[in-house]
Amino acid sequence: MSMDGQYAREAGRRSGVGQTAVMACNQQREQKMGMGMKIVMAIAIVMMLFTMWPAYKHWSKNSPQAEKGDWASIVFILGVVVLFVSLLIMSVQ
């Protein structure tokens, strides 16, 4: 719990305000900060996509074509990963 939360809880005890009112106040403050963080993250993601767009266009035009053995290699690697994760799960149980 943050220092603000501890201070608010102590102030609530002294003034007779219930614990739920103090918790509701803390939740409202956290929700406001959470929305601000969501907005900042959305702006950062849009800026990142905007700067990556020219590289995406270049990659899509100049990408190498798949060859005959590429899909077999991917399936083999995914199978090894699935077996490894299964081994880890069985070792925990």
Protein backbone atom coordinates (compact mmCIF):
# COMPACT_ATOMS: atom_id res chain seq x y z
CA MET A 1 0.00 0.00 0.00
CA SER A 2 1.32 3.45 -0.82
CA MET A 3 2.03 6.14 1.73
CA ASP A 4 -1.01 8.08 0.49
CA GLY A 5 -3.17 5.03 1.13
CA GLN A 6 -1.76 4.57 4.63
CA TYR A 7 -2.27 8.25 5.40
CA ALA A 8 -5.82 8.16 4.07
CA ARG A 9 -6.60 5.07 6.13
CA GLU A 10 -5.24 6.69 9.32
CA ALA A 11 -7.14 9.89 8.60
CA GLY A 12 -10.28 7.85 8.00
CA ARG A 13 -9.93 6.13 11.37
CA ARG A 14 -9.49 9.40 13.19
CA SER A 15 -12.37 11.17 11.46
CA GLY A 16 -14.80 8.27 11.65
CA VAL A 17 -14.95 7.69 7.88
CA GLY A 18 -15.39 4.01 7.09
CA GLN A 19 -12.74 1.85 5.46
CA THR A 20 -14.86 1.39 2.35
CA ALA A 21 -15.02 5.14 1.69
CA VAL A 22 -11.24 5.41 1.87
CA MET A 23 -10.82 2.40 -0.41
CA ALA A 24 -13.28 3.87 -2.92
CA CYS A 25 -11.28 7.10 -2.96
CA ASN A 26 -8.06 5.18 -3.62
CA GLN A 27 -9.69 3.13 -6.39
CA GLN A 28 -10.95 6.27 -8.14
CA ARG A 29 -7.47 7.80 -8.04
CA GLU A 30 -5.92 4.60 -9.43
CA GLN A 31 -8.51 4.43 -12.23
CA LYS A 32 -7.72 7.99 -13.28
CA MET A 33 -4.02 7.26 -13.39
CA GLY A 34 -4.74 4.04 -15.28
CA MET A 35 -6.70 5.89 -17.98
CA GLY A 36 -3.87 8.40 -18.40
CA MET A 37 -1.41 5.57 -18.82
CA LYS A 38 -3.67 3.93 -21.41
CA ILE A 39 -3.80 7.17 -23.38
CA VAL A 40 -0.01 7.57 -23.28
CA MET A 41 0.46 3.96 -24.40
CA ALA A 42 -2.03 4.40 -27.26
CA ILE A 43 -0.16 7.49 -28.46
CA ALA A 44 3.15 5.62 -28.26
CA ILE A 45 1.78 2.69 -30.27
CA VAL A 46 0.37 4.98 -32.98
CA MET A 47 3.71 6.80 -33.22
CA MET A 48 5.57 3.50 -33.47
CA LEU A 49 3.26 2.25 -36.25
CA PHE A 50 3.61 5.55 -38.07
CA THR A 51 7.41 5.32 -38.04
CA MET A 52 7.42 1.64 -39.05
CA TRP A 53 5.08 2.05 -42.05
CA PRO A 54 7.82 2.77 -44.66
CA ALA A 55 9.81 -0.26 -43.51
CA TYR A 56 6.68 -2.44 -43.73
CA LYS A 57 6.07 -1.31 -47.31
CA HIS A 58 9.67 -2.13 -48.24
CA TRP A 59 9.52 -5.56 -46.53
CA SER A 60 6.25 -6.50 -48.20
CA LYS A 61 7.57 -5.60 -51.68
CA ASN A 62 11.02 -7.18 -51.28
CA SER A 63 10.26 -10.24 -49.17
CA PRO A 64 11.80 -13.59 -50.12
CA GLN A 65 9.49 -16.24 -51.52
CA ALA A 66 8.92 -19.44 -49.56
CA GLU A 67 10.89 -22.42 -50.79
CA LYS A 68 10.01 -26.11 -50.74
CA GLY A 69 11.46 -27.07 -47.32
CA ASP A 70 10.45 -23.96 -45.37
CA TRP A 71 7.10 -25.24 -44.08
CA ALA A 72 8.57 -28.56 -43.00
CA SER A 73 11.23 -26.69 -40.99
CA ILE A 74 8.62 -24.55 -39.24
CA VAL A 75 6.45 -27.56 -38.38
CA PHE A 76 9.49 -29.39 -36.99
CA ILE A 77 10.51 -26.42 -34.81
CA LEU A 78 6.96 -25.96 -33.51
CA GLY A 79 6.77 -29.68 -32.71
CA VAL A 80 10.00 -29.49 -30.72
CA VAL A 81 8.65 -26.51 -28.76
CA VAL A 82 5.37 -28.33 -28.03
CA LEU A 83 7.27 -31.41 -26.83
CA PHE A 84 9.52 -29.29 -24.63
CA VAL A 85 6.59 -27.47 -23.03
CA SER A 86 4.82 -30.80 -22.50
CA LEU A 87 7.96 -32.14 -20.80
CA LEU A 88 8.06 -29.10 -18.53
CA ILE A 89 4.38 -29.50 -17.62
CA MET A 90 4.81 -33.22 -16.86
CA SER A 91 7.87 -32.52 -14.71
CA VAL A 92 5.89 -30.14 -12.49
CA GLN A 93 2.97 -32.50 -11.90
